[in-house]
Amino acid sequence: MSRICFLSMDVEDAEGFFVYDDMLIPDFNASGYEVETVSWRSTTVNWNDFDHVIVRSPWDYQQAPEAFIACLEAIDASSATLHNPLSLMKWNIEKTYLRELAENDVPIVPTVWADTYSATWFEAQFAALRCDEVVIKPALSANSDDTFRIHQSQAGEFHAKLSELFKDRLLMVQPFLSSVITEGEYSLFYFGGEYSHTLLKQPKAGDFRVQEEHGGRLSAYTPTADMLTACEAALGAMPTDYLYARVDLIRVNGYWAIMELELIEPSLYFNIDPTSPKRFVDVFVSRFGKGH
């Protein structure tokens, strides 16, 4: 039987996270594939033992990005096929790819960038972004780690913390969008270029983070034509093809903007649409054939 590896995090580190990738295993088994979940931090695994490695839930990679990239490069150098492609994941690992999307006329959330933090620069961004509340975060981040929502009146209280946290570290600042609270954030999922399903994520009362791990509420959603158009513009601006993609959308002043394009380890929320696991496997088999 052909072998697939789901690249993940250490089991003990996954406690508290919601992982739905096991929902794929019955359909992969039925298509002739044996599936094993392996930590990207493993030092004993032989990647040549697998036919395919699908990056799924290594949600601690931002703690050691260079080691994570080295792991992906080792997989790519083996006989296993890596999904998504290594070049695409390297393009996606820092959120500077958003600048490329904007250069290709894809609407993104207004964003400013800096190579390191300074109090003077940060305080100037409220005027630059024409808002009194911003979100500041690393350009390489996941799970809302090191992400702060800050009102202009509180900026001085954060200078010491942000100066230490973002010393010589690429960061980004965006206006805080009230639509995160009033409406929510949408995730649209695509497998092999085909639309699959949509998720509406809304934060719990008093929070702005929409992830399940932070108490976010999740529900299925039927996207409108203009949502699909915005997503397809972003996907069309990517440098290479993909097996899976998640496009995070938010409403900005009446138009749809890309918050993020998730191409490395997005949760694909197979629990939201019970037909989506088979859809994923069918796309995989149509590209790479059944196992043996």
Protein backbone atom coordinates (compact mmCIF):
# COMPACT_ATOMS: atom_id res chain seq x y z
CA MET A 1 0.00 0.00 0.00
CA SER A 2 1.29 3.50 -0.85
CA ARG A 3 2.16 5.68 2.12
CA ILE A 4 1.21 9.25 2.98
CA CYS A 5 2.64 11.29 5.85
CA PHE A 6 0.64 14.04 7.52
CA LEU A 7 3.27 16.47 8.80
CA SER A 8 2.23 17.69 12.23
CA MET A 9 3.53 18.93 15.58
CA ASP A 10 4.54 16.83 18.57
CA VAL A 11 1.54 15.11 20.14
CA GLU A 12 2.12 16.73 23.53
CA ASP A 13 2.26 20.18 21.91
CA ALA A 14 -1.00 19.62 20.04
CA GLU A 15 -3.02 19.58 23.25
CA GLY A 16 -5.57 22.38 23.15
CA PHE A 17 -5.65 22.54 19.35
CA PHE A 18 -8.53 21.33 17.17
CA VAL A 19 -7.24 19.00 14.44
CA TYR A 20 -9.57 17.48 11.84
CA ASP A 21 -7.16 15.81 9.45
CA ASP A 22 -7.97 12.28 10.67
CA MET A 23 -11.27 12.72 8.83
CA LEU A 24 -9.28 12.20 5.61
CA ILE A 25 -7.88 8.82 6.57
CA PRO A 26 -10.90 6.57 5.73
CA ASP A 27 -11.10 7.98 2.20
CA PHE A 28 -7.34 7.74 1.71
CA ASN A 29 -7.42 4.12 2.94
CA ALA A 30 -10.24 3.36 0.52
CA SER A 31 -8.07 4.76 -2.28
CA GLY A 32 -5.12 2.52 -1.45
CA TYR A 33 -3.11 4.82 0.82
CA GLU A 34 -1.83 4.17 4.31
CA VAL A 35 -1.59 7.37 6.39
CA GLU A 36 0.81 8.13 9.25
CA THR A 37 1.05 11.38 11.22
CA VAL A 38 4.63 12.46 11.93
CA SER A 39 6.05 15.43 13.84
CA TRP A 40 8.14 17.82 11.77
CA ARG A 41 10.56 17.90 14.70
CA SER A 42 11.32 14.17 14.43
CA THR A 43 15.00 13.37 13.95
CA THR A 44 14.54 9.68 13.20
CA VAL A 45 12.05 9.61 10.34
CA ASN A 46 13.20 8.57 6.87
CA TRP A 47 11.17 10.65 4.41
CA ASN A 48 12.00 8.18 1.65
CA ASP A 49 9.63 5.75 3.39
CA PHE A 50 6.69 7.85 2.17
CA ASP A 51 5.28 8.44 -1.28
CA HIS A 52 3.75 11.77 -0.30
CA VAL A 53 4.11 14.20 2.62
CA ILE A 54 1.17 16.56 3.14
CA VAL A 55 1.87 19.46 5.52
CA ARG A 56 -1.09 19.57 7.86
CA SER A 57 -0.76 20.78 11.46
CA PRO A 58 2.79 21.84 12.44
CA TRP A 59 1.28 24.82 14.24
CA ASP A 60 4.40 25.58 16.25
CA TYR A 61 6.69 26.15 13.26
CA GLN A 62 6.79 29.92 13.86
CA GLN A 63 8.82 29.19 17.01
CA ALA A 64 11.66 27.78 14.89
CA PRO A 65 11.07 28.81 11.25
CA GLU A 66 14.58 28.07 10.04
CA ALA A 67 14.42 24.52 11.41
CA PHE A 68 10.99 24.08 9.86
CA ILE A 69 12.21 25.20 6.44
CA ALA A 70 15.16 22.81 6.80
CA CYS A 71 12.68 20.00 7.46
CA LEU A 72 10.68 20.89 4.35
CA GLU A 73 13.87 21.02 2.29
CA ALA A 74 14.87 17.56 3.54
CA ILE A 75 11.47 16.19 2.54
CA ASP A 76 11.69 17.88 -0.85
CA ALA A 77 15.12 16.32 -1.41
CA SER A 78 13.78 12.84 -0.62
CA SER A 79 11.82 10.58 -2.95
CA ALA A 80 8.54 11.72 -1.34
CA THR A 81 6.40 14.36 -3.04
CA LEU A 82 5.84 17.39 -0.80
CA HIS A 83 2.47 19.16 -0.65
CA ASN A 84 2.15 22.05 -1.01
CA PRO A 85 5.23 22.59 -3.19
CA LEU A 86 8.29 23.83 -1.30
CA SER A 87 8.63 26.98 -3.44
CA LEU A 88 5.03 27.96 -2.71
CA MET A 89 5.41 27.45 1.03
CA LYS A 90 8.61 29.53 1.08
CA TRP A 91 6.74 32.28 -0.77
CA ASN A 92 3.91 32.10 1.78
CA ILE A 93 5.82 31.79 5.05
CA GLU A 94 6.17 35.54 5.57
CA LYS A 95 3.15 37.75 5.03
CA THR A 96 5.13 39.97 2.70
CA TYR A 97 3.43 37.96 -0.05
CA LEU A 98 0.49 40.31 0.58
CA ARG A 99 2.53 43.09 -1.01
CA GLU A 100 2.85 40.99 -4.15
CA LEU A 101 -0.89 40.41 -4.20
CA ALA A 102 -1.49 44.16 -3.92
CA GLU A 103 0.98 44.79 -6.76
CA ASN A 104 -1.18 42.44 -8.85
CA ASP A 105 -4.30 44.50 -8.04
CA VAL A 106 -5.64 42.01 -5.52
CA PRO A 107 -7.40 43.91 -2.69
CA ILE A 108 -5.71 43.31 0.68
CA VAL A 109 -6.28 44.75 4.13
CA PRO A 110 -4.34 48.07 4.25
CA THR A 111 -0.91 47.23 5.68
CA VAL A 112 2.33 48.99 6.59
CA TRP A 113 5.63 47.22 7.24
CA ALA A 114 8.79 47.80 9.24
CA ASP A 115 12.05 45.89 9.70
CA THR A 116 12.15 46.76 13.39
CA TYR A 117 9.98 48.56 15.92
CA SER A 118 10.29 52.19 16.94
CA ALA A 119 7.85 54.12 19.12
CA THR A 120 7.88 57.16 16.84
CA TRP A 121 7.17 55.06 13.76
CA PHE A 122 4.39 53.12 15.47
CA GLU A 123 2.57 56.19 16.73
CA ALA A 124 2.67 57.67 13.22
CA GLN A 125 0.77 54.68 11.81
CA PHE A 126 -2.54 55.72 13.33
CA ALA A 127 -2.52 58.80 11.12
CA ALA A 128 -1.07 56.93 8.15
CA LEU A 129 -3.86 54.32 8.32
CA ARG A 130 -6.52 56.89 9.27
CA CYS A 131 -7.71 54.97 12.29
CA ASP A 132 -7.55 55.15 16.07
CA GLU A 133 -7.04 51.42 16.61
CA VAL A 134 -4.56 49.05 14.97
CA VAL A 135 -3.41 45.44 14.99
CA ILE A 136 0.34 44.84 15.12
CA LYS A 137 1.92 41.42 14.53
CA PRO A 138 5.01 39.69 13.15
CA ALA A 139 5.26 39.14 9.41
CA LEU A 140 5.95 35.50 10.23
CA SER A 141 3.29 34.31 12.66
CA ALA A 142 0.57 31.77 13.34
CA ASN A 143 -2.27 31.25 15.83
CA SER A 144 -2.35 35.00 16.60
CA ASP A 145 0.96 34.64 18.44
CA ASP A 146 2.47 38.03 19.36
CA THR A 147 -0.56 39.83 17.91
CA PHE A 148 -1.88 42.95 19.65
CA ARG A 149 -4.93 45.16 19.22
CA ILE A 150 -3.95 48.65 20.38
CA HIS A 151 -5.93 51.89 20.67
CA GLN A 152 -4.07 55.11 19.95
CA SER A 153 -4.64 56.30 23.50
CA GLN A 154 -2.85 53.19 24.84
CA ALA A 155 0.14 53.21 22.48
CA GLY A 156 2.57 54.49 25.09
CA GLU A 157 1.77 51.59 27.40
CA PHE A 158 3.00 49.07 24.79
CA HIS A 159 6.27 50.67 23.69
CA ALA A 160 8.55 48.72 26.02
CA LYS A 161 6.94 45.37 25.26
CA LEU A 162 6.80 45.94 21.50
CA SER A 163 10.37 47.28 21.39
CA GLU A 164 11.61 44.05 22.91
CA LEU A 165 9.31 41.74 20.95
CA PHE A 166 9.96 43.31 17.55
CA LYS A 167 13.61 44.19 17.87
CA ASP A 168 15.11 43.45 14.44
CA ARG A 169 12.00 41.48 13.49
CA LEU A 170 9.87 42.21 10.45
CA LEU A 171 6.45 43.41 11.57
CA MET A 172 3.22 44.63 10.09
CA VAL A 173 0.51 47.03 11.22
CA GLN A 174 -3.08 47.07 9.95
CA PRO A 175 -6.14 49.06 10.96
CA PHE A 176 -8.37 47.18 13.36
CA LEU A 177 -11.48 46.39 11.33
CA SER A 178 -14.72 46.53 13.28
CA SER A 179 -16.23 44.08 10.79
CA VAL A 180 -14.19 41.36 12.59
CA ILE A 181 -16.51 41.93 15.55
CA THR A 182 -19.76 42.85 13.82
CA GLU A 183 -19.64 40.32 10.99
CA GLY A 184 -16.65 38.02 11.28
CA GLU A 185 -13.95 36.65 9.03
CA TYR A 186 -14.55 34.20 6.19
CA SER A 187 -12.34 31.31 5.12
CA LEU A 188 -12.85 29.80 1.67
CA PHE A 189 -11.21 26.46 0.91
CA TYR A 190 -9.90 25.29 -2.45
CA PHE A 191 -8.56 21.86 -3.37
CA GLY A 192 -6.60 21.53 -6.59
CA GLY A 193 -8.00 24.75 -8.01
CA GLU A 194 -11.61 23.84 -7.21
CA TYR A 195 -13.75 25.57 -4.60
CA SER A 196 -14.76 23.28 -1.73
CA HIS A 197 -16.48 25.01 1.20
CA THR A 198 -16.65 28.19 3.31
CA LEU A 199 -16.38 28.89 7.01
CA LEU A 200 -17.54 31.98 8.91
CA LYS A 201 -15.40 32.65 12.00
CA GLN A 202 -16.58 35.05 14.68
CA PRO A 203 -14.74 35.99 17.90
CA LYS A 204 -16.19 35.39 21.32
CA ALA A 205 -17.55 38.39 23.19
CA GLY A 206 -14.79 40.76 24.24
CA ASP A 207 -12.15 39.29 21.91
CA PHE A 208 -11.03 39.94 18.33
CA ARG A 209 -9.31 36.61 17.61
CA VAL A 210 -11.47 34.24 15.58
CA GLN A 211 -9.55 30.96 16.06
CA GLU A 212 -11.29 28.09 17.85
CA GLU A 213 -8.42 27.95 20.30
CA HIS A 214 -9.33 31.47 21.40
CA GLY A 215 -13.05 30.75 21.72
CA GLY A 216 -14.08 31.72 18.19
CA ARG A 217 -17.46 30.57 16.88
CA LEU A 218 -17.52 28.62 13.62
CA SER A 219 -20.34 28.06 11.14
CA ALA A 220 -20.77 26.97 7.54
CA TYR A 221 -21.50 29.71 5.02
CA THR A 222 -22.53 29.96 1.37
CA PRO A 223 -20.28 32.51 -0.36
CA THR A 224 -21.51 35.19 -2.73
CA ALA A 225 -20.20 35.57 -6.26
CA ASP A 226 -18.09 38.62 -5.34
CA MET A 227 -16.43 36.69 -2.51
CA LEU A 228 -15.45 33.94 -4.94
CA THR A 229 -14.15 36.52 -7.41
CA ALA A 230 -11.89 38.07 -4.74
CA CYS A 231 -10.53 34.65 -3.76
CA GLU A 232 -9.88 33.56 -7.31
CA ALA A 233 -7.98 36.80 -8.01
CA ALA A 234 -5.68 36.03 -5.07
CA LEU A 235 -5.20 32.40 -6.10
CA GLY A 236 -4.48 33.47 -9.66
CA ALA A 237 -1.66 35.71 -8.44
CA MET A 238 0.18 32.85 -6.73
CA PRO A 239 3.52 31.79 -8.26
CA THR A 240 2.78 28.04 -8.54
CA ASP A 241 -0.01 25.49 -8.43
CA TYR A 242 -1.28 24.03 -5.14
CA LEU A 243 -3.02 21.02 -3.65
CA TYR A 244 -4.86 22.97 -0.95
CA ALA A 245 -5.41 26.64 -0.18
CA ARG A 246 -7.36 28.65 2.35
CA VAL A 247 -8.28 32.24 1.56
CA ASP A 248 -9.23 34.44 4.52
CA LEU A 249 -11.55 37.29 3.56
CA ILE A 250 -12.92 40.30 5.42
CA ARG A 251 -15.17 43.16 4.44
CA VAL A 252 -13.37 46.53 4.27
CA ASN A 253 -15.44 49.64 3.54
CA GLY A 254 -17.87 47.67 1.43
CA TYR A 255 -15.39 45.56 -0.55
CA TRP A 256 -13.81 42.17 0.05
CA ALA A 257 -10.15 42.18 1.02
CA ILE A 258 -7.66 39.35 1.52
CA MET A 259 -6.55 39.01 5.13
CA GLU A 260 -4.33 36.02 4.49
CA LEU A 261 -3.62 33.36 1.89
CA GLU A 262 -2.88 30.18 3.88
CA LEU A 263 -0.80 27.70 1.87
CA ILE A 264 1.41 25.94 4.44
CA GLU A 265 -0.55 24.46 7.34
CA PRO A 266 -4.07 25.87 7.36
CA SER A 267 -6.74 23.98 9.21
CA LEU A 268 -9.09 22.93 6.42
CA TYR A 269 -12.06 22.50 8.79
CA PHE A 270 -13.30 19.24 7.35
CA ASN A 271 -15.80 19.16 10.23
CA ILE A 272 -17.73 22.07 8.72
CA ASP A 273 -18.64 20.18 5.54
CA PRO A 274 -18.95 16.38 5.86
CA THR A 275 -18.44 15.97 2.11
CA SER A 276 -15.14 17.88 2.10
CA PRO A 277 -12.80 15.03 3.18
CA LYS A 278 -13.81 12.90 0.21
CA ARG A 279 -13.57 15.94 -2.05
CA PHE A 280 -9.97 16.49 -0.91
CA VAL A 281 -9.02 12.85 -1.46
CA ASP A 282 -10.76 12.74 -4.85
CA VAL A 283 -8.71 15.74 -5.99
CA PHE A 284 -5.53 14.09 -4.70
CA VAL A 285 -6.30 10.81 -6.50
CA SER A 286 -7.20 12.62 -9.71
CA ARG A 287 -3.71 14.16 -9.67
CA PHE A 288 -1.56 11.36 -8.32
CA GLY A 289 -3.58 8.21 -8.86
CA LYS A 290 -4.77 5.58 -6.41
CA GLY A 291 -2.35 3.89 -4.05
CA HIS A 292 -1.17 0.36 -4.57
